[in-house]
Each structure stands twice: as C-alpha cells, then as structure tokens.
Amino acid sequence: MTAAVRPEHGEAVLRSTARGPRRALLPLGIGVAGLALAVGVQLVFDPFRTHIPLCLVNHLTGLECPGCGAIRAVHAMLDGDLLLALRNNALLTVAAPLAAAGMAVWTVRRALGRRTDLMPSRAVLLVLVGIAVLFSVLRNLPMFWFLAPISYVGG
C-alpha cells in the first residue's frame, strides 16, 4: 500500500492510492458482523416476550431515551414488520437504512482507492445530536405517545 502526503487547504492529508476488492473487506466485515450480531440476538430471545432491563436512563428516571425500544425495533425489522419497528423506535428504523447506505458508499470508495473520511463535519454532528435530543423530548410528551416504544410484556 502506498500513500502520498499532499497539502490541501493548508493541511497535510494522507491519501491512499491502493485499490481493489481487498480494501472492501473492512467495511464488509463490519457490516456482516453487525448483521450476524442482530440475527444472533433475534435467535436467542424475543424482546416482546422477555423483559431485559437494559436502559439505565429509563430504569432510573422512567423517561424514554432515544435508544429505548431499539432491540425490539431491530427484532421487528428482521421479522419484516416495519410498522412494529417504527412503533418501537422510529429514529432507529429510519436511521438503519441510511447507515446501510453509508456503509455501501464507504465500501465502494475504499475499493476504488478513494479517500474515506468517516468522521462527519461538526455541523452534521450537531444536527444529529439535535435530532436525537428532539426525539427524546417528544417521545416523553403525552401528545406524542406514538413515539414512545410499546410497553413490555405484563408492563
């Protein structure tokens, strides 16, 4: 693998010139590992029948954080029930295909030997944090009851 340091806008940028299918193995491996983990959890237990208290925020405050209902949403997505997934965690259900598309773009760019910056800009990070905070606030308000995850078995 060869790399060249080239100044761009006053910064030193490391640019890889290596290309080929071998460079796609890292993002493909990460994607396959994530999918295998999700399928493994899917096979081990059903979060709609078994209550496993994972969220410390919910346990201590009773409030729903942006991640509450995520395991149930992934379980429903893997079962093909997108409406149930949306009902459990709309943020994750919308973000999952976007993350998959981002992984696909990363894989192609690495295979072509193009630059792959994984860290988004500060503005994008602030927008994403703002969306998560807004989602958290709204899902805990009574008028947005449909954003809160469905209750646990016997809950």
C-alpha atoms as a PDB file:
ATOM      1  CA  MET A   1       0.000   0.000   0.000  1.00  0.00           C
ATOM      2  CA  THR A   2       1.414   3.340  -0.948  1.00  0.00           C
ATOM      3  CA  ALA A   3       0.368   6.652   0.414  1.00  0.00           C
ATOM      4  CA  ALA A   4       1.180  10.198  -0.529  1.00  0.00           C
ATOM      5  CA  VAL A   5       1.013  13.264   1.667  1.00  0.00           C
ATOM      6  CA  ARG A   6      -0.483  16.140  -0.248  1.00  0.00           C
ATOM      7  CA  PRO A   7      -1.333  19.567   1.173  1.00  0.00           C
ATOM      8  CA  GLU A   8      -4.958  20.513   0.736  1.00  0.00           C
ATOM      9  CA  HIS A   9      -6.260  23.811   2.092  1.00  0.00           C
ATOM     10  CA  GLY A  10      -3.198  24.181   4.273  1.00  0.00           C
ATOM     11  CA  GLU A  11      -3.470  20.702   5.830  1.00  0.00           C
ATOM     12  CA  ALA A  12      -1.479  17.542   5.304  1.00  0.00           C
ATOM     13  CA  VAL A  13      -3.826  14.864   4.006  1.00  0.00           C
ATOM     14  CA  LEU A  14      -2.987  11.164   3.852  1.00  0.00           C
ATOM     15  CA  ARG A  15      -4.279   9.808   0.564  1.00  0.00           C
ATOM     16  CA  SER A  16      -4.196   6.123  -0.166  1.00  0.00           C
ATOM     17  CA  THR A  17      -3.511   5.032  -3.723  1.00  0.00           C
ATOM     18  CA  ALA A  18      -4.153   1.323  -3.154  1.00  0.00           C
ATOM     19  CA  ARG A  19      -7.297  -0.042  -4.786  1.00  0.00           C
ATOM     20  CA  GLY A  20      -9.041  -3.323  -5.230  1.00  0.00           C
ATOM     21  CA  PRO A  21     -11.544  -5.680  -3.695  1.00  0.00           C
ATOM     22  CA  ARG A  22      -9.285  -6.429  -0.699  1.00  0.00           C
ATOM     23  CA  ARG A  23      -9.841  -2.877   0.557  1.00  0.00           C
ATOM     24  CA  ALA A  24     -13.583  -3.574   0.725  1.00  0.00           C
ATOM     25  CA  LEU A  25     -13.057  -6.327   3.310  1.00  0.00           C
ATOM     26  CA  LEU A  26     -13.036  -3.989   6.335  1.00  0.00           C
ATOM     27  CA  PRO A  27     -16.441  -2.348   5.747  1.00  0.00           C
ATOM     28  CA  LEU A  28     -17.917  -5.645   4.564  1.00  0.00           C
ATOM     29  CA  GLY A  29     -16.608  -7.372   7.688  1.00  0.00           C
ATOM     30  CA  ILE A  30     -18.083  -4.703   9.941  1.00  0.00           C
ATOM     31  CA  GLY A  31     -21.446  -4.943   8.167  1.00  0.00           C
ATOM     32  CA  VAL A  32     -21.520  -8.747   8.275  1.00  0.00           C
ATOM     33  CA  ALA A  33     -20.528  -8.749  11.964  1.00  0.00           C
ATOM     34  CA  GLY A  34     -23.309  -6.273  12.815  1.00  0.00           C
ATOM     35  CA  LEU A  35     -25.880  -8.267  10.884  1.00  0.00           C
ATOM     36  CA  ALA A  36     -24.689 -11.529  12.455  1.00  0.00           C
ATOM     37  CA  LEU A  37     -24.995  -9.989  15.923  1.00  0.00           C
ATOM     38  CA  ALA A  38     -28.532  -8.795  15.190  1.00  0.00           C
ATOM     39  CA  VAL A  39     -29.560 -12.197  13.831  1.00  0.00           C
ATOM     40  CA  GLY A  40     -27.930 -13.899  16.823  1.00  0.00           C
ATOM     41  CA  VAL A  41     -29.923 -11.758  19.230  1.00  0.00           C
ATOM     42  CA  GLN A  42     -33.007 -12.490  17.111  1.00  0.00           C
ATOM     43  CA  LEU A  43     -32.488 -16.235  17.550  1.00  0.00           C
ATOM     44  CA  VAL A  44     -31.670 -16.135  21.266  1.00  0.00           C
ATOM     45  CA  PHE A  45     -34.652 -14.248  22.657  1.00  0.00           C
ATOM     46  CA  ASP A  46     -37.803 -12.417  21.729  1.00  0.00           C
ATOM     47  CA  PRO A  47     -37.814  -8.930  23.323  1.00  0.00           C
ATOM     48  CA  PHE A  48     -41.610  -8.847  23.053  1.00  0.00           C
ATOM     49  CA  ARG A  49     -41.916 -11.836  25.393  1.00  0.00           C
ATOM     50  CA  THR A  50     -38.876 -11.359  27.629  1.00  0.00           C
ATOM     51  CA  HIS A  51     -38.144  -8.208  29.593  1.00  0.00           C
ATOM     52  CA  ILE A  52     -34.439  -7.448  29.878  1.00  0.00           C
ATOM     53  CA  PRO A  53     -33.911  -4.040  31.513  1.00  0.00           C
ATOM     54  CA  LEU A  54     -31.017  -2.590  29.538  1.00  0.00           C
ATOM     55  CA  CYS A  55     -31.631   1.154  29.677  1.00  0.00           C
ATOM     56  CA  LEU A  56     -30.176   2.807  32.763  1.00  0.00           C
ATOM     57  CA  VAL A  57     -31.855   6.140  31.934  1.00  0.00           C
ATOM     58  CA  ASN A  58     -35.283   4.506  31.791  1.00  0.00           C
ATOM     59  CA  HIS A  59     -34.617   2.451  34.900  1.00  0.00           C
ATOM     60  CA  LEU A  60     -33.547   5.466  36.985  1.00  0.00           C
ATOM     61  CA  THR A  61     -35.849   8.195  35.636  1.00  0.00           C
ATOM     62  CA  GLY A  62     -38.729   6.458  33.886  1.00  0.00           C
ATOM     63  CA  LEU A  63     -38.017   8.553  30.780  1.00  0.00           C
ATOM     64  CA  GLU A  64     -37.565   7.043  27.324  1.00  0.00           C
ATOM     65  CA  CYS A  65     -34.138   7.783  25.820  1.00  0.00           C
ATOM     66  CA  PRO A  66     -33.506   7.728  22.047  1.00  0.00           C
ATOM     67  CA  GLY A  67     -32.365   4.097  22.289  1.00  0.00           C
ATOM     68  CA  CYS A  68     -35.337   2.741  24.228  1.00  0.00           C
ATOM     69  CA  GLY A  69     -37.122   0.144  22.129  1.00  0.00           C
ATOM     70  CA  ALA A  70     -34.139  -0.295  19.783  1.00  0.00           C
ATOM     71  CA  ILE A  71     -33.788  -4.048  20.340  1.00  0.00           C
ATOM     72  CA  ARG A  72     -37.495  -4.528  19.739  1.00  0.00           C
ATOM     73  CA  ALA A  73     -37.291  -2.345  16.606  1.00  0.00           C
ATOM     74  CA  VAL A  74     -34.379  -4.372  15.200  1.00  0.00           C
ATOM     75  CA  HIS A  75     -36.227  -7.586  16.058  1.00  0.00           C
ATOM     76  CA  ALA A  76     -39.307  -6.341  14.199  1.00  0.00           C
ATOM     77  CA  MET A  77     -37.229  -5.174  11.194  1.00  0.00           C
ATOM     78  CA  LEU A  78     -35.587  -8.587  10.919  1.00  0.00           C
ATOM     79  CA  ASP A  79     -39.059 -10.156  11.030  1.00  0.00           C
ATOM     80  CA  GLY A  80     -40.104  -7.811   8.220  1.00  0.00           C
ATOM     81  CA  ASP A  81     -42.627  -5.866  10.299  1.00  0.00           C
ATOM     82  CA  LEU A  82     -41.653  -2.253   9.580  1.00  0.00           C
ATOM     83  CA  LEU A  83     -44.744  -0.759  11.219  1.00  0.00           C
ATOM     84  CA  LEU A  84     -43.947  -2.506  14.502  1.00  0.00           C
ATOM     85  CA  ALA A  85     -40.324  -1.382  14.165  1.00  0.00           C
ATOM     86  CA  LEU A  86     -41.455   2.224  13.647  1.00  0.00           C
ATOM     87  CA  ARG A  87     -43.748   1.944  16.661  1.00  0.00           C
ATOM     88  CA  ASN A  88     -40.877   0.806  18.897  1.00  0.00           C
ATOM     89  CA  ASN A  89     -38.152   3.191  17.758  1.00  0.00           C
ATOM     90  CA  ALA A  90     -38.839   5.390  14.743  1.00  0.00           C
ATOM     91  CA  LEU A  91     -35.421   7.034  14.916  1.00  0.00           C
ATOM     92  CA  LEU A  92     -33.557   3.728  14.625  1.00  0.00           C
ATOM     93  CA  THR A  93     -35.928   2.426  11.957  1.00  0.00           C
ATOM     94  CA  VAL A  94     -35.236   5.475   9.783  1.00  0.00           C
ATOM     95  CA  ALA A  95     -31.506   5.551  10.582  1.00  0.00           C
ATOM     96  CA  ALA A  96     -30.808   1.864   9.823  1.00  0.00           C
ATOM     97  CA  PRO A  97     -31.249   2.100   6.026  1.00  0.00           C
ATOM     98  CA  LEU A  98     -29.280   5.363   5.994  1.00  0.00           C
ATOM     99  CA  ALA A  99     -26.451   3.671   7.895  1.00  0.00           C
ATOM    100  CA  ALA A 100     -26.563   0.737   5.457  1.00  0.00           C
ATOM    101  CA  ALA A 101     -26.325   3.159   2.524  1.00  0.00           C
ATOM    102  CA  GLY A 102     -23.383   4.879   4.205  1.00  0.00           C
ATOM    103  CA  MET A 103     -21.648   1.525   4.660  1.00  0.00           C
ATOM    104  CA  ALA A 104     -22.220   0.744   0.965  1.00  0.00           C
ATOM    105  CA  VAL A 105     -20.719   4.089  -0.090  1.00  0.00           C
ATOM    106  CA  TRP A 106     -17.754   3.523   2.244  1.00  0.00           C
ATOM    107  CA  THR A 107     -17.194   0.053   0.788  1.00  0.00           C
ATOM    108  CA  VAL A 108     -17.237   1.281  -2.814  1.00  0.00           C
ATOM    109  CA  ARG A 109     -14.986   4.259  -2.070  1.00  0.00           C
ATOM    110  CA  ARG A 110     -12.446   2.036  -0.314  1.00  0.00           C
ATOM    111  CA  ALA A 111     -12.477  -0.493  -3.162  1.00  0.00           C
ATOM    112  CA  LEU A 112     -11.856   2.315  -5.667  1.00  0.00           C
ATOM    113  CA  GLY A 113      -8.991   3.701  -3.570  1.00  0.00           C
ATOM    114  CA  ARG A 114     -10.724   6.990  -2.863  1.00  0.00           C
ATOM    115  CA  ARG A 115     -10.464   8.958   0.336  1.00  0.00           C
ATOM    116  CA  THR A 116     -12.817   7.739   3.043  1.00  0.00           C
ATOM    117  CA  ASP A 117     -13.420  10.215   5.838  1.00  0.00           C
ATOM    118  CA  LEU A 118     -15.555   8.518   8.447  1.00  0.00           C
ATOM    119  CA  MET A 119     -15.960  11.498  10.733  1.00  0.00           C
ATOM    120  CA  PRO A 120     -18.763  13.847   9.692  1.00  0.00           C
ATOM    121  CA  SER A 121     -18.406  17.595   9.968  1.00  0.00           C
ATOM    122  CA  ARG A 122     -19.163  19.428  13.182  1.00  0.00           C
ATOM    123  CA  ALA A 123     -22.386  20.832  11.702  1.00  0.00           C
ATOM    124  CA  VAL A 124     -23.626  17.346  10.772  1.00  0.00           C
ATOM    125  CA  LEU A 125     -22.812  16.063  14.258  1.00  0.00           C
ATOM    126  CA  LEU A 126     -24.714  18.930  15.858  1.00  0.00           C
ATOM    127  CA  VAL A 127     -27.743  18.270  13.652  1.00  0.00           C
ATOM    128  CA  LEU A 128     -27.679  14.554  14.513  1.00  0.00           C
ATOM    129  CA  VAL A 129     -27.401  15.273  18.250  1.00  0.00           C
ATOM    130  CA  GLY A 130     -30.225  17.813  17.919  1.00  0.00           C
ATOM    131  CA  ILE A 131     -32.433  15.224  16.201  1.00  0.00           C
ATOM    132  CA  ALA A 132     -31.728  12.681  18.952  1.00  0.00           C
ATOM    133  CA  VAL A 133     -32.479  15.224  21.702  1.00  0.00           C
ATOM    134  CA  LEU A 134     -35.680  16.366  19.979  1.00  0.00           C
ATOM    135  CA  PHE A 135     -36.766  12.746  19.526  1.00  0.00           C
ATOM    136  CA  SER A 136     -36.087  12.090  23.237  1.00  0.00           C
ATOM    137  CA  VAL A 137     -38.119  15.083  24.356  1.00  0.00           C
ATOM    138  CA  LEU A 138     -41.043  14.407  22.024  1.00  0.00           C
ATOM    139  CA  ARG A 139     -41.334  10.709  22.851  1.00  0.00           C
ATOM    140  CA  ASN A 140     -41.756  11.578  26.534  1.00  0.00           C
ATOM    141  CA  LEU A 141     -44.599  14.062  25.969  1.00  0.00           C
ATOM    142  CA  PRO A 142     -48.168  12.704  26.241  1.00  0.00           C
ATOM    143  CA  MET A 143     -49.271  14.253  22.946  1.00  0.00           C
ATOM    144  CA  PHE A 144     -46.546  12.293  21.101  1.00  0.00           C
ATOM    145  CA  TRP A 145     -47.453   8.943  22.688  1.00  0.00           C
ATOM    146  CA  PHE A 146     -46.937   7.215  19.332  1.00  0.00           C
ATOM    147  CA  LEU A 147     -43.168   7.891  19.501  1.00  0.00           C
ATOM    148  CA  ALA A 148     -42.785   6.023  22.800  1.00  0.00           C
ATOM    149  CA  PRO A 149     -41.995   2.313  22.495  1.00  0.00           C
ATOM    150  CA  ILE A 150     -44.749  -0.178  23.170  1.00  0.00           C
ATOM    151  CA  SER A 151     -44.945  -1.460  26.715  1.00  0.00           C
ATOM    152  CA  TYR A 152     -43.196  -4.607  27.880  1.00  0.00           C
ATOM    153  CA  VAL A 153     -44.973  -7.892  28.407  1.00  0.00           C
ATOM    154  CA  GLY A 154     -47.000  -7.570  31.588  1.00  0.00           C
ATOM    155  CA  GLY A 155     -45.969  -3.905  31.843  1.00  0.00           C
END
